[in-house]
Amino acid sequence: MIFVTVGSMMAFDRLIISMDKWARAHADTDVLAQIGEGTYRPNHMRWTRMLAPSKFQEVVHDAALMVAHAGMGSYFVAAEMHKPIVMLPRLAANREHTTDHQLHTIKWLRDRPGVYAAMRDAELDSAIDKAMAGGRIAGPDFMNFAPEPFLRRVRHFLVT
């Protein structure tokens, strides 16, 4: 299963439209999207507006791949669960965010194992192909850096 998330703060219809087209072309692959407050409603993949934090964790755990905006919360969740992640940055020019900081984020993350950058919509297909063939993310073991109660609070903040 591929899990698509736009995060919890803003809509990202460009990602959802692109992934709906991908799901149509790959009907044999189960895709679930958390679309937030977006206006586009997918026709070729399962979707929900928002998942409860515990369900979000369960879905990521069960997913073979995450596809997300280039937000740090998405990266940390994927890294913590050792899942490969395809990231498409929001663009200020499209009014998807107020700044282009996600371009900087993806440029910083894209060379890390398990992170597959799609700088444009047209690059999503090849990024997904590479991620599906590339295996799990070699994410950090956050337990070595912080106590579990602190990590639980950060996780709750990022997911909700």
Foldseek 3Di string as FASTA:
>chain_A
DEEEEAFAPFFDVLVVVLVLVVLVVVVVDAYEYQGAPDPDDRDRHHYDVADQLVVVLVVLLPHQEYEYALDVLVVVSQLQSQHQYEYEHDDVVVVRDVHRVSVVSCVVPCVFQRYFYDPDSVCPVVSVVCNNVRGTGNHDNCVVPDPPVVVVVVNNVRRD
